[in-house]
PDB file of N, CA and C in Angstrom:
ATOM      1  N   LEU A   1       8.770  -2.751 -26.342  1.00  0.00           N
ATOM      2  CA  LEU A   1       9.818  -1.824 -26.161  1.00  0.00           C
ATOM      3  C   LEU A   1       9.528  -0.484 -25.101  1.00  0.00           C
ATOM      4  N   TYR A   2       7.963  -0.105 -26.428  1.00  0.00           N
ATOM      5  CA  TYR A   2       7.416   1.078 -25.893  1.00  0.00           C
ATOM      6  C   TYR A   2       6.792   1.296 -24.624  1.00  0.00           C
ATOM      7  N   ARG A   3       6.731  -0.190 -24.157  1.00  0.00           N
ATOM      8  CA  ARG A   3       6.007  -0.422 -22.849  1.00  0.00           C
ATOM      9  C   ARG A   3       7.327  -0.034 -21.888  1.00  0.00           C
ATOM     10  N   ALA A   4       8.332  -0.147 -21.742  1.00  0.00           N
ATOM     11  CA  ALA A   4       9.146   0.173 -21.036  1.00  0.00           C
ATOM     12  C   ALA A   4       9.398   1.800 -21.082  1.00  0.00           C
ATOM     13  N   GLN A   5       9.291   2.579 -21.837  1.00  0.00           N
ATOM     14  CA  GLN A   5       9.090   3.938 -22.377  1.00  0.00           C
ATOM     15  C   GLN A   5       7.584   4.454 -21.178  1.00  0.00           C
ATOM     16  N   VAL A   6       6.840   3.980 -21.692  1.00  0.00           N
ATOM     17  CA  VAL A   6       5.790   4.116 -20.948  1.00  0.00           C
ATOM     18  C   VAL A   6       5.893   4.171 -19.476  1.00  0.00           C
ATOM     19  N   PHE A   7       6.136   2.652 -19.013  1.00  0.00           N
ATOM     20  CA  PHE A   7       6.606   2.872 -17.510  1.00  0.00           C
ATOM     21  C   PHE A   7       7.235   3.822 -16.906  1.00  0.00           C
ATOM     22  N   TYR A   8       8.478   3.976 -17.757  1.00  0.00           N
ATOM     23  CA  TYR A   8       9.532   5.121 -17.090  1.00  0.00           C
ATOM     24  C   TYR A   8       8.528   6.664 -17.086  1.00  0.00           C
ATOM     25  N   GLN A   9       7.863   6.636 -17.705  1.00  0.00           N
ATOM     26  CA  GLN A   9       7.181   7.937 -17.992  1.00  0.00           C
ATOM     27  C   GLN A   9       6.261   7.841 -16.968  1.00  0.00           C
ATOM     28  N   MET A  10       5.351   6.786 -16.875  1.00  0.00           N
ATOM     29  CA  MET A  10       4.351   7.126 -15.661  1.00  0.00           C
ATOM     30  C   MET A  10       5.184   7.123 -14.475  1.00  0.00           C
ATOM     31  N   GLY A  11       5.831   6.534 -14.160  1.00  0.00           N
ATOM     32  CA  GLY A  11       6.973   6.309 -12.567  1.00  0.00           C
ATOM     33  C   GLY A  11       7.243   7.621 -12.665  1.00  0.00           C
ATOM     34  N   ARG A  12       8.005   8.577 -13.394  1.00  0.00           N
ATOM     35  CA  ARG A  12       8.182   9.838 -13.582  1.00  0.00           C
ATOM     36  C   ARG A  12       6.896  10.753 -13.090  1.00  0.00           C
ATOM     37  N   MET A  13       5.924  10.562 -13.362  1.00  0.00           N
ATOM     38  CA  MET A  13       4.884  11.541 -13.466  1.00  0.00           C
ATOM     39  C   MET A  13       4.140  11.259 -12.099  1.00  0.00           C
ATOM     40  N   TYR A  14       4.160   9.905 -11.578  1.00  0.00           N
ATOM     41  CA  TYR A  14       3.863   9.764 -10.468  1.00  0.00           C
ATOM     42  C   TYR A  14       4.756  10.091  -8.992  1.00  0.00           C
ATOM     43  N   GLU A  15       6.027  10.557  -9.571  1.00  0.00           N
ATOM     44  CA  GLU A  15       7.383  10.991  -8.493  1.00  0.00           C
ATOM     45  C   GLU A  15       6.754  12.259  -8.577  1.00  0.00           C
ATOM     46  N   ARG A  16       6.651  12.924  -9.709  1.00  0.00           N
ATOM     47  CA  ARG A  16       6.789  14.520  -9.717  1.00  0.00           C
ATOM     48  C   ARG A  16       5.290  14.894  -8.794  1.00  0.00           C
ATOM     49  N   GLU A  17       3.944  14.219  -8.613  1.00  0.00           N
ATOM     50  CA  GLU A  17       2.911  14.441  -7.675  1.00  0.00           C
ATOM     51  C   GLU A  17       3.269  13.635  -6.589  1.00  0.00           C
ATOM     52  N   GLY A  18       4.106  13.561  -6.253  1.00  0.00           N
ATOM     53  CA  GLY A  18       4.225  12.882  -4.788  1.00  0.00           C
ATOM     54  C   GLY A  18       3.497  11.784  -4.582  1.00  0.00           C
ATOM     55  N   GLU A  19       3.509  10.742  -5.360  1.00  0.00           N
ATOM     56  CA  GLU A  19       2.837   9.247  -5.162  1.00  0.00           C
ATOM     57  C   GLU A  19       3.669   8.340  -5.003  1.00  0.00           C
ATOM     58  N   TYR A  20       4.746   8.495  -4.209  1.00  0.00           N
ATOM     59  CA  TYR A  20       5.927   7.457  -4.162  1.00  0.00           C
ATOM     60  C   TYR A  20       5.793   6.047  -4.102  1.00  0.00           C
ATOM     61  N   THR A  21       4.442   5.841  -3.744  1.00  0.00           N
ATOM     62  CA  THR A  21       4.604   4.511  -3.713  1.00  0.00           C
ATOM     63  C   THR A  21       4.178   3.661  -5.136  1.00  0.00           C
ATOM     64  N   LEU A  22       3.549   4.837  -5.796  1.00  0.00           N
ATOM     65  CA  LEU A  22       3.017   4.167  -7.193  1.00  0.00           C
ATOM     66  C   LEU A  22       4.264   4.145  -8.087  1.00  0.00           C
ATOM     67  N   ALA A  23       4.732   5.493  -7.659  1.00  0.00           N
ATOM     68  CA  ALA A  23       6.099   5.180  -8.751  1.00  0.00           C
ATOM     69  C   ALA A  23       7.195   4.157  -8.393  1.00  0.00           C
ATOM     70  N   LEU A  24       6.962   3.848  -7.345  1.00  0.00           N
ATOM     71  CA  LEU A  24       8.189   2.854  -7.248  1.00  0.00           C
ATOM     72  C   LEU A  24       7.701   1.611  -7.624  1.00  0.00           C
ATOM     73  N   GLY A  25       6.263   1.485  -7.652  1.00  0.00           N
ATOM     74  CA  GLY A  25       5.604   0.000  -8.087  1.00  0.00           C
ATOM     75  C   GLY A  25       5.865   0.152  -9.843  1.00  0.00           C
ATOM     76  N   THR A  26       5.736   1.217  -9.865  1.00  0.00           N
ATOM     77  CA  THR A  26       5.801   1.432 -11.408  1.00  0.00           C
ATOM     78  C   THR A  26       7.192   1.128 -12.221  1.00  0.00           C
ATOM     79  N   PHE A  27       8.127   1.937 -11.654  1.00  0.00           N
ATOM     80  CA  PHE A  27       9.932   2.031 -11.985  1.00  0.00           C
ATOM     81  C   PHE A  27      10.052   0.274 -11.688  1.00  0.00           C
ATOM     82  N   GLY A  28       9.523  -0.544 -10.373  1.00  0.00           N
ATOM     83  CA  GLY A  28       9.749  -2.099 -10.156  1.00  0.00           C
ATOM     84  C   GLY A  28       8.971  -2.721 -11.226  1.00  0.00           C
ATOM     85  N   GLN A  29       8.091  -2.409 -11.940  1.00  0.00           N
ATOM     86  CA  GLN A  29       7.471  -3.197 -12.931  1.00  0.00           C
ATOM     87  C   GLN A  29       8.236  -3.290 -14.645  1.00  0.00           C
ATOM     88  N   LEU A  30       8.985  -2.082 -14.565  1.00  0.00           N
ATOM     89  CA  LEU A  30       9.630  -1.555 -15.545  1.00  0.00           C
ATOM     90  C   LEU A  30      11.319  -2.480 -15.314  1.00  0.00           C
ATOM     91  N   ALA A  31      11.749  -2.570 -14.301  1.00  0.00           N
ATOM     92  CA  ALA A  31      12.763  -3.291 -13.863  1.00  0.00           C
ATOM     93  C   ALA A  31      12.778  -4.640 -14.085  1.00  0.00           C
ATOM     94  N   GLU A  32      11.556  -5.311 -13.760  1.00  0.00           N
ATOM     95  CA  GLU A  32      11.330  -6.995 -13.539  1.00  0.00           C
ATOM     96  C   GLU A  32      10.930  -6.953 -15.011  1.00  0.00           C
ATOM     97  N   GLN A  33      10.232  -6.494 -15.538  1.00  0.00           N
ATOM     98  CA  GLN A  33       9.843  -6.884 -16.670  1.00  0.00           C
ATOM     99  C   GLN A  33      10.670  -6.528 -17.842  1.00  0.00           C
ATOM    100  N   PHE A  34      11.529  -5.703 -18.057  1.00  0.00           N
ATOM    101  CA  PHE A  34      12.475  -5.122 -19.112  1.00  0.00           C
ATOM    102  C   PHE A  34      14.104  -5.097 -17.884  1.00  0.00           C
ATOM    103  N   PRO A  35      14.407  -5.919 -17.934  1.00  0.00           N
ATOM    104  CA  PRO A  35      15.833  -6.130 -16.946  1.00  0.00           C
ATOM    105  C   PRO A  35      16.747  -5.554 -17.935  1.00  0.00           C
ATOM    106  N   GLU A  36      16.541  -5.393 -19.795  1.00  0.00           N
ATOM    107  CA  GLU A  36      17.547  -5.398 -20.392  1.00  0.00           C
ATOM    108  C   GLU A  36      17.357  -4.415 -21.149  1.00  0.00           C
ATOM    109  N   HIS A  37      16.331  -3.644 -20.925  1.00  0.00           N
ATOM    110  CA  HIS A  37      15.980  -2.177 -21.917  1.00  0.00           C
ATOM    111  C   HIS A  37      17.112  -1.200 -21.157  1.00  0.00           C
ATOM    112  N   GLN A  38      17.598  -0.146 -21.594  1.00  0.00           N
ATOM    113  CA  GLN A  38      18.282   0.803 -21.144  1.00  0.00           C
ATOM    114  C   GLN A  38      17.939   1.946 -20.141  1.00  0.00           C
ATOM    115  N   LEU A  39      16.279   1.700 -19.921  1.00  0.00           N
ATOM    116  CA  LEU A  39      15.762   2.611 -18.994  1.00  0.00           C
ATOM    117  C   LEU A  39      15.554   1.676 -17.507  1.00  0.00           C
ATOM    118  N   ALA A  40      15.975   0.304 -17.970  1.00  0.00           N
ATOM    119  CA  ALA A  40      15.858  -0.094 -16.869  1.00  0.00           C
ATOM    120  C   ALA A  40      16.753  -0.042 -15.252  1.00  0.00           C
ATOM    121  N   PRO A  41      18.261   0.877 -15.781  1.00  0.00           N
ATOM    122  CA  PRO A  41      19.040   1.019 -14.553  1.00  0.00           C
ATOM    123  C   PRO A  41      18.561   2.421 -14.189  1.00  0.00           C
ATOM    124  N   LEU A  42      17.760   3.209 -15.253  1.00  0.00           N
ATOM    125  CA  LEU A  42      17.072   4.427 -14.624  1.00  0.00           C
ATOM    126  C   LEU A  42      16.377   4.187 -13.793  1.00  0.00           C
ATOM    127  N   ALA A  43      15.558   2.933 -13.788  1.00  0.00           N
ATOM    128  CA  ALA A  43      14.616   2.957 -13.037  1.00  0.00           C
ATOM    129  C   ALA A  43      14.771   2.655 -11.736  1.00  0.00           C
ATOM    130  N   GLU A  44      16.027   1.758 -11.272  1.00  0.00           N
ATOM    131  CA  GLU A  44      16.420   0.997 -10.253  1.00  0.00           C
ATOM    132  C   GLU A  44      17.026   2.299 -10.016  1.00  0.00           C
ATOM    133  N   LEU A  45      17.593   3.353  -9.966  1.00  0.00           N
ATOM    134  CA  LEU A  45      18.083   4.722  -9.685  1.00  0.00           C
ATOM    135  C   LEU A  45      16.985   5.343  -9.534  1.00  0.00           C
ATOM    136  N   ARG A  46      16.087   5.678  -9.572  1.00  0.00           N
ATOM    137  CA  ARG A  46      14.913   6.487  -9.210  1.00  0.00           C
ATOM    138  C   ARG A  46      14.286   5.713  -8.260  1.00  0.00           C
ATOM    139  N   MET A  47      14.076   4.185  -8.039  1.00  0.00           N
ATOM    140  CA  MET A  47      13.759   3.959  -7.356  1.00  0.00           C
ATOM    141  C   MET A  47      14.687   3.861  -5.745  1.00  0.00           C
ATOM    142  N   GLY A  48      15.834   3.840  -5.636  1.00  0.00           N
ATOM    143  CA  GLY A  48      16.311   4.334  -4.661  1.00  0.00           C
ATOM    144  C   GLY A  48      16.952   5.527  -4.152  1.00  0.00           C
ATOM    145  N   THR A  49      16.541   6.355  -5.176  1.00  0.00           N
ATOM    146  CA  THR A  49      16.408   7.896  -5.243  1.00  0.00           C
ATOM    147  C   THR A  49      15.179   8.638  -4.208  1.00  0.00           C
ATOM    148  N   ILE A  50      13.949   7.635  -4.718  1.00  0.00           N
ATOM    149  CA  ILE A  50      13.076   8.168  -3.858  1.00  0.00           C
ATOM    150  C   ILE A  50      12.741   7.134  -2.685  1.00  0.00           C
ATOM    151  N   LEU A  51      13.519   6.296  -2.375  1.00  0.00           N
ATOM    152  CA  LEU A  51      13.403   5.553  -0.881  1.00  0.00           C
ATOM    153  C   LEU A  51      14.390   6.430  -0.354  1.00  0.00           C
ATOM    154  N   LEU A  52      15.779   6.943  -0.629  1.00  0.00           N
ATOM    155  CA  LEU A  52      16.484   8.020   0.011  1.00  0.00           C
ATOM    156  C   LEU A  52      16.110   9.004   0.436  1.00  0.00           C
ATOM    157  N   GLU A  53      15.700   9.643  -0.434  1.00  0.00           N
ATOM    158  CA  GLU A  53      15.246  10.982  -0.170  1.00  0.00           C
ATOM    159  C   GLU A  53      13.730  11.546   0.044  1.00  0.00           C
ATOM    160  N   GLU A  54      13.184  10.917  -0.226  1.00  0.00           N
ATOM    161  CA  GLU A  54      11.874  10.996  -0.092  1.00  0.00           C
ATOM    162  C   GLU A  54      11.192   9.847   1.307  1.00  0.00           C
ATOM    163  N   ILE A  55      11.555   9.018   0.820  1.00  0.00           N
ATOM    164  CA  ILE A  55      10.913   7.891   2.206  1.00  0.00           C
ATOM    165  C   ILE A  55      12.161   7.510   3.591  1.00  0.00           C
ATOM    166  N   GLY A  56      13.236   8.118   2.804  1.00  0.00           N
ATOM    167  CA  GLY A  56      14.259   8.280   4.188  1.00  0.00           C
ATOM    168  C   GLY A  56      14.310   6.132   4.789  1.00  0.00           C
ATOM    169  N   ASP A  57      14.416   5.520   3.708  1.00  0.00           N
ATOM    170  CA  ASP A  57      14.525   3.997   3.797  1.00  0.00           C
ATOM    171  C   ASP A  57      16.076   3.871   3.143  1.00  0.00           C
ATOM    172  N   LEU A  58      17.118   4.285   3.989  1.00  0.00           N
ATOM    173  CA  LEU A  58      18.393   3.825   3.625  1.00  0.00           C
ATOM    174  C   LEU A  58      18.726   2.887   2.859  1.00  0.00           C
ATOM    175  N   ALA A  59      18.694   1.626   4.107  1.00  0.00           N
ATOM    176  CA  ALA A  59      18.428   0.276   3.392  1.00  0.00           C
ATOM    177  C   ALA A  59      18.033  -0.184   2.312  1.00  0.00           C
ATOM    178  N   ARG A  60      16.975   0.067   1.928  1.00  0.00           N
ATOM    179  CA  ARG A  60      16.025  -0.410   0.842  1.00  0.00           C
ATOM    180  C   ARG A  60      17.025   0.639  -0.389  1.00  0.00           C
ATOM    181  N   ALA A  61      17.140   1.650  -0.112  1.00  0.00           N
ATOM    182  CA  ALA A  61      17.811   2.554  -1.199  1.00  0.00           C
ATOM    183  C   ALA A  61      19.334   2.020  -1.478  1.00  0.00           C
ATOM    184  N   ARG A  62      20.218   1.595  -0.951  1.00  0.00           N
ATOM    185  CA  ARG A  62      21.246   0.666  -0.975  1.00  0.00           C
ATOM    186  C   ARG A  62      21.269  -0.524  -2.069  1.00  0.00           C
ATOM    187  N   VAL A  63      19.789  -0.894  -1.661  1.00  0.00           N
ATOM    188  CA  VAL A  63      19.912  -2.481  -2.440  1.00  0.00           C
ATOM    189  C   VAL A  63      19.503  -2.080  -4.289  1.00  0.00           C
ATOM    190  N   HIS A  64      19.136  -1.109  -4.035  1.00  0.00           N
ATOM    191  CA  HIS A  64      18.573  -0.601  -5.677  1.00  0.00           C
ATOM    192  C   HIS A  64      20.094  -0.075  -5.998  1.00  0.00           C
ATOM    193  N   PHE A  65      20.802   0.991  -5.557  1.00  0.00           N
ATOM    194  CA  PHE A  65      22.118   1.690  -5.866  1.00  0.00           C
ATOM    195  C   PHE A  65      22.773   0.345  -6.310  1.00  0.00           C
ATOM    196  N   GLU A  66      22.995  -0.665  -5.218  1.00  0.00           N
ATOM    197  CA  GLU A  66      24.376  -1.551  -5.300  1.00  0.00           C
ATOM    198  C   GLU A  66      23.458  -2.382  -6.769  1.00  0.00           C
ATOM    199  N   ARG A  67      22.241  -2.837  -7.373  1.00  0.00           N
ATOM    200  CA  ARG A  67      22.092  -3.569  -8.064  1.00  0.00           C
ATOM    201  C   ARG A  67      22.225  -2.826  -9.705  1.00  0.00           C
ATOM    202  N   VAL A  68      22.195  -1.415  -9.367  1.00  0.00           N
ATOM    203  CA  VAL A  68      22.693  -0.589 -10.563  1.00  0.00           C
ATOM    204  C   VAL A  68      24.136  -0.642 -10.730  1.00  0.00           C
ATOM    205  N   VAL A  69      25.121  -0.861  -9.871  1.00  0.00           N
ATOM    206  CA  VAL A  69      26.333  -0.736 -10.051  1.00  0.00           C
ATOM    207  C   VAL A  69      26.905  -2.151 -10.857  1.00  0.00           C
ATOM    208  N   MET A  70      25.846  -3.418  -9.585  1.00  0.00           N
ATOM    209  CA  MET A  70      26.477  -4.798  -9.767  1.00  0.00           C
ATOM    210  C   MET A  70      25.657  -5.344 -11.574  1.00  0.00           C
ATOM    211  N   GLU A  71      24.619  -5.117 -11.985  1.00  0.00           N
ATOM    212  CA  GLU A  71      23.980  -5.381 -12.913  1.00  0.00           C
ATOM    213  C   GLU A  71      24.341  -4.570 -14.001  1.00  0.00           C
ATOM    214  N   TYR A  72      24.482  -3.537 -14.101  1.00  0.00           N
ATOM    215  CA  TYR A  72      24.290  -2.509 -15.219  1.00  0.00           C
ATOM    216  C   TYR A  72      25.930  -1.524 -14.811  1.00  0.00           C
ATOM    217  N   PRO A  73      26.814  -2.090 -14.917  1.00  0.00           N
ATOM    218  CA  PRO A  73      28.164  -1.490 -14.916  1.00  0.00           C
ATOM    219  C   PRO A  73      28.480  -0.487 -15.911  1.00  0.00           C
ATOM    220  N   GLN A  74      28.252  -0.404 -17.170  1.00  0.00           N
ATOM    221  CA  GLN A  74      28.299   0.480 -17.832  1.00  0.00           C
ATOM    222  C   GLN A  74      27.292   1.496 -18.375  1.00  0.00           C
ATOM    223  N   GLY A  75      26.395   1.078 -17.637  1.00  0.00           N
ATOM    224  CA  GLY A  75      24.991   1.903 -17.477  1.00  0.00           C
ATOM    225  C   GLY A  75      25.131   3.214 -17.240  1.00  0.00           C
ATOM    226  N   VAL A  76      24.074   4.035 -17.902  1.00  0.00           N
ATOM    227  CA  VAL A  76      24.185   5.391 -17.618  1.00  0.00           C
ATOM    228  C   VAL A  76      23.993   6.052 -16.189  1.00  0.00           C
ATOM    229  N   ALA A  77      23.401   5.248 -15.542  1.00  0.00           N
ATOM    230  CA  ALA A  77      22.952   5.455 -14.250  1.00  0.00           C
ATOM    231  C   ALA A  77      24.391   5.506 -12.859  1.00  0.00           C
ATOM    232  N   THR A  78      25.167   4.090 -13.603  1.00  0.00           N
ATOM    233  CA  THR A  78      26.067   3.260 -13.106  1.00  0.00           C
ATOM    234  C   THR A  78      26.932   4.565 -12.071  1.00  0.00           C
ATOM    235  N   ALA A  79      27.490   5.909 -12.985  1.00  0.00           N
ATOM    236  CA  ALA A  79      28.448   6.688 -12.008  1.00  0.00           C
ATOM    237  C   ALA A  79      27.451   7.378 -10.650  1.00  0.00           C
ATOM    238  N   GLN A  80      26.219   7.726 -11.040  1.00  0.00           N
ATOM    239  CA  GLN A  80      25.620   8.453  -9.984  1.00  0.00           C
ATOM    240  C   GLN A  80      24.936   7.423  -8.705  1.00  0.00           C
ATOM    241  N   ALA A  81      24.922   6.455  -9.062  1.00  0.00           N
ATOM    242  CA  ALA A  81      24.166   5.166  -8.029  1.00  0.00           C
ATOM    243  C   ALA A  81      25.862   5.053  -7.010  1.00  0.00           C
ATOM    244  N   ARG A  82      27.229   4.824  -7.995  1.00  0.00           N
ATOM    245  CA  ARG A  82      27.909   4.886  -7.367  1.00  0.00           C
ATOM    246  C   ARG A  82      28.202   6.294  -6.152  1.00  0.00           C
ATOM    247  N   ARG A  83      27.881   7.361  -6.554  1.00  0.00           N
ATOM    248  CA  ARG A  83      28.071   8.262  -6.000  1.00  0.00           C
ATOM    249  C   ARG A  83      27.418   8.796  -4.655  1.00  0.00           C
ATOM    250  N   LEU A  84      25.850   8.292  -5.251  1.00  0.00           N
ATOM    251  CA  LEU A  84      25.144   8.056  -3.862  1.00  0.00           C
ATOM    252  C   LEU A  84      25.365   7.376  -2.781  1.00  0.00           C
ATOM    253  N   LEU A  85      25.684   5.913  -3.382  1.00  0.00           N
ATOM    254  CA  LEU A  85      26.664   4.795  -2.601  1.00  0.00           C
ATOM    255  C   LEU A  85      27.556   5.389  -1.774  1.00  0.00           C
ATOM    256  N   ARG A  86      28.686   5.995  -1.936  1.00  0.00           N
ATOM    257  CA  ARG A  86      30.001   6.769  -1.530  1.00  0.00           C
ATOM    258  C   ARG A  86      29.258   7.646  -0.264  1.00  0.00           C
ATOM    259  N   ASN A  87      28.207   8.340  -1.186  1.00  0.00           N
ATOM    260  CA  ASN A  87      28.064   9.678   0.581  1.00  0.00           C
ATOM    261  C   ASN A  87      27.413   8.778   1.512  1.00  0.00           C
ATOM    262  N   MET A  88      26.693   7.818   0.583  1.00  0.00           N
ATOM    263  CA  MET A  88      25.794   7.146   2.094  1.00  0.00           C
ATOM    264  C   MET A  88      26.550   6.164   3.576  1.00  0.00           C
ATOM    265  N   SER A  89      27.772   5.997   2.738  1.00  0.00           N
ATOM    266  CA  SER A  89      28.868   5.546   3.123  1.00  0.00           C
ATOM    267  C   SER A  89      29.225   6.461   4.429  1.00  0.00           C
ATOM    268  N   ASP A  90      29.759   7.692   3.626  1.00  0.00           N
ATOM    269  CA  ASP A  90      30.739   8.677   4.058  1.00  0.00           C
ATOM    270  C   ASP A  90      29.616   8.943   5.439  1.00  0.00           C
ATOM    271  N   GLU A  91      28.399   9.496   4.852  1.00  0.00           N
ATOM    272  CA  GLU A  91      27.492  10.032   6.134  1.00  0.00           C
ATOM    273  C   GLU A  91      27.574   9.613   7.677  1.00  0.00           C
ATOM    274  N   LYS A  92      28.070   7.802   7.644  1.00  0.00           N
ATOM    275  CA  LYS A  92      27.999   7.257   8.674  1.00  0.00           C
ATOM    276  C   LYS A  92      28.678   6.987   9.264  1.00  0.00           C
ATOM    277  N   LEU A  93      30.057   7.511   9.067  1.00  0.00           N
ATOM    278  CA  LEU A  93      31.652   7.642   9.546  1.00  0.00           C
ATOM    279  C   LEU A  93      31.336   9.567  10.571  1.00  0.00           C
TER     280      LEU A  93
END
Protein backbone atom coordinates (compact mmCIF):
# COMPACT_ATOMS: atom_id res chain seq x y z
CA LEU A 1 0.00 0.00 0.00
CA TYR A 2 2.70 2.48 0.98
CA ARG A 3 4.93 1.49 -1.92
CA ALA A 4 2.43 3.01 -4.35
CA GLN A 5 2.52 6.27 -2.40
CA VAL A 6 6.31 6.23 -2.40
CA PHE A 7 6.38 5.65 -6.17
CA TYR A 8 3.97 8.53 -6.70
CA GLN A 9 5.93 10.94 -4.51
CA MET A 10 9.20 9.92 -6.17
CA GLY A 11 7.64 10.47 -9.59
CA ARG A 12 6.46 13.94 -8.60
CA MET A 13 9.91 14.75 -7.21
CA TYR A 14 11.59 13.67 -10.47
CA GLU A 15 9.02 15.66 -12.43
CA ARG A 16 9.68 18.83 -10.40
CA GLU A 17 13.41 18.40 -10.97
CA GLY A 18 12.94 18.06 -14.73
CA GLU A 19 14.01 14.41 -14.71
CA TYR A 20 11.18 13.38 -17.01
CA THR A 21 12.57 10.00 -18.02
CA LEU A 22 12.91 9.00 -14.36
CA ALA A 23 9.45 10.39 -13.58
CA LEU A 24 7.90 8.41 -16.43
CA GLY A 25 9.63 5.24 -15.27
CA THR A 26 8.57 5.70 -11.67
CA PHE A 27 4.95 6.49 -12.52
CA GLY A 28 4.99 3.53 -14.92
CA GLN A 29 6.13 1.20 -12.16
CA LEU A 30 3.30 2.40 -9.95
CA ALA A 31 0.69 1.85 -12.66
CA GLU A 32 2.10 -1.56 -13.57
CA GLN A 33 2.64 -2.94 -10.06
CA PHE A 34 -0.41 -1.42 -8.37
CA PRO A 35 -3.11 -1.04 -11.07
CA GLU A 36 -5.91 -1.21 -8.50
CA HIS A 37 -4.47 1.49 -6.24
CA GLN A 38 -6.20 4.88 -6.22
CA LEU A 39 -2.93 6.53 -7.33
CA ALA A 40 -2.67 4.43 -10.51
CA PRO A 41 -4.94 6.69 -12.60
CA LEU A 42 -3.12 9.76 -11.29
CA ALA A 43 0.20 8.19 -12.30
CA GLU A 44 -1.20 7.52 -15.79
CA LEU A 45 -2.42 11.13 -15.97
CA ARG A 46 1.00 12.47 -14.91
CA MET A 47 2.71 10.30 -17.55
CA GLY A 48 0.39 11.65 -20.22
CA THR A 49 0.89 15.22 -19.05
CA ILE A 50 4.68 14.90 -19.08
CA LEU A 51 4.61 13.38 -22.55
CA LEU A 52 2.27 16.09 -23.83
CA GLU A 53 3.69 19.21 -22.19
CA GLU A 54 7.36 18.44 -21.64
CA ILE A 55 8.31 15.94 -24.33
CA GLY A 56 5.78 16.81 -27.02
CA ASP A 57 4.84 13.20 -27.81
CA LEU A 58 1.13 13.55 -28.48
CA ALA A 59 0.62 9.94 -29.57
CA ARG A 60 2.09 8.45 -26.41
CA ALA A 61 0.32 11.04 -24.24
CA ARG A 62 -3.00 10.10 -25.83
CA VAL A 63 -2.43 6.43 -24.90
CA HIS A 64 -2.11 7.31 -21.20
CA PHE A 65 -5.13 9.64 -21.20
CA GLU A 66 -7.22 7.00 -22.97
CA ARG A 67 -6.09 4.39 -20.46
CA VAL A 68 -7.30 6.60 -17.60
CA VAL A 69 -10.71 7.03 -19.24
CA MET A 70 -11.12 3.37 -20.18
CA GLU A 71 -9.65 1.61 -17.14
CA TYR A 72 -10.65 4.07 -14.42
CA PRO A 73 -14.00 5.55 -15.54
CA GLN A 74 -14.89 6.60 -11.99
CA GLY A 75 -11.35 7.65 -11.05
CA VAL A 76 -10.28 11.03 -9.74
CA ALA A 77 -8.22 11.71 -12.89
CA THR A 78 -10.85 10.76 -15.46
CA ALA A 79 -12.47 14.17 -15.95
CA GLN A 80 -9.11 15.83 -16.51
CA ALA A 81 -7.97 13.06 -18.89
CA ARG A 82 -11.20 13.49 -20.91
CA ARG A 83 -10.65 17.25 -21.06
CA LEU A 84 -7.06 16.82 -22.26
CA LEU A 85 -8.15 14.31 -24.92
CA ARG A 86 -10.83 16.71 -26.11
CA ASN A 87 -8.29 19.56 -26.27
CA MET A 88 -5.89 17.37 -28.24
CA SER A 89 -8.66 16.55 -30.72
CA ASP A 90 -9.72 20.20 -31.03
CA GLU A 91 -6.16 21.29 -31.79
CA LYS A 92 -6.03 18.95 -34.78
CA LEU A 93 -9.01 20.67 -36.44
